[in-house]
Amino acid sequence: QVQLVESGGGLVQAGGSLRLSCVASGRTFSSYVMGWFRQAPGKEREFEAAISRSSSSTDYADSVNGRFTISRDNAKNTVYLQMNSLKPEDTAVYYCAALYARGSGRDYPSRELKEYRYWGQGTQVTVSS
């Protein structure tokens, strides 16, 4: 089992940047594929970015590709989401999630929300126009 705590959200003007962090505790962090999802008011939670266990592979939603960058530091048990050129439509609660993959040897990211078993509490990002 792993516990996830996000931080770094806040209020930013359109065009600005934020970096979200998610610290994991519990089981070996490198055992997990990690993802970032977001949920805007009245909408379903949706995939934004994911990274493989070894950082060898990443995946992004079309809406953030080229603006957001996911990375991880397995020595620090932390996954990051660097968000640049923010838009008002990026306003949402952002969640990090963990998918246990060591047992299967999997080392590629996933877009599938249902594959992620562990979730953080979320951090609010608000982008003003």
Foldseek 3Di string as FASTA:
>chain_A
DKAKAKDWADEEAAQAKIKMKIAIDDDQLLQWKKFKWWDAPPGDIFGAKIAWSVRPEMDGDPVQVPFWDWDDDSVRRMIMIIGGRDDQVVWTWMKMFIAGHVVVPDTYIDRDPVRTDYIYPTDTHGYHD
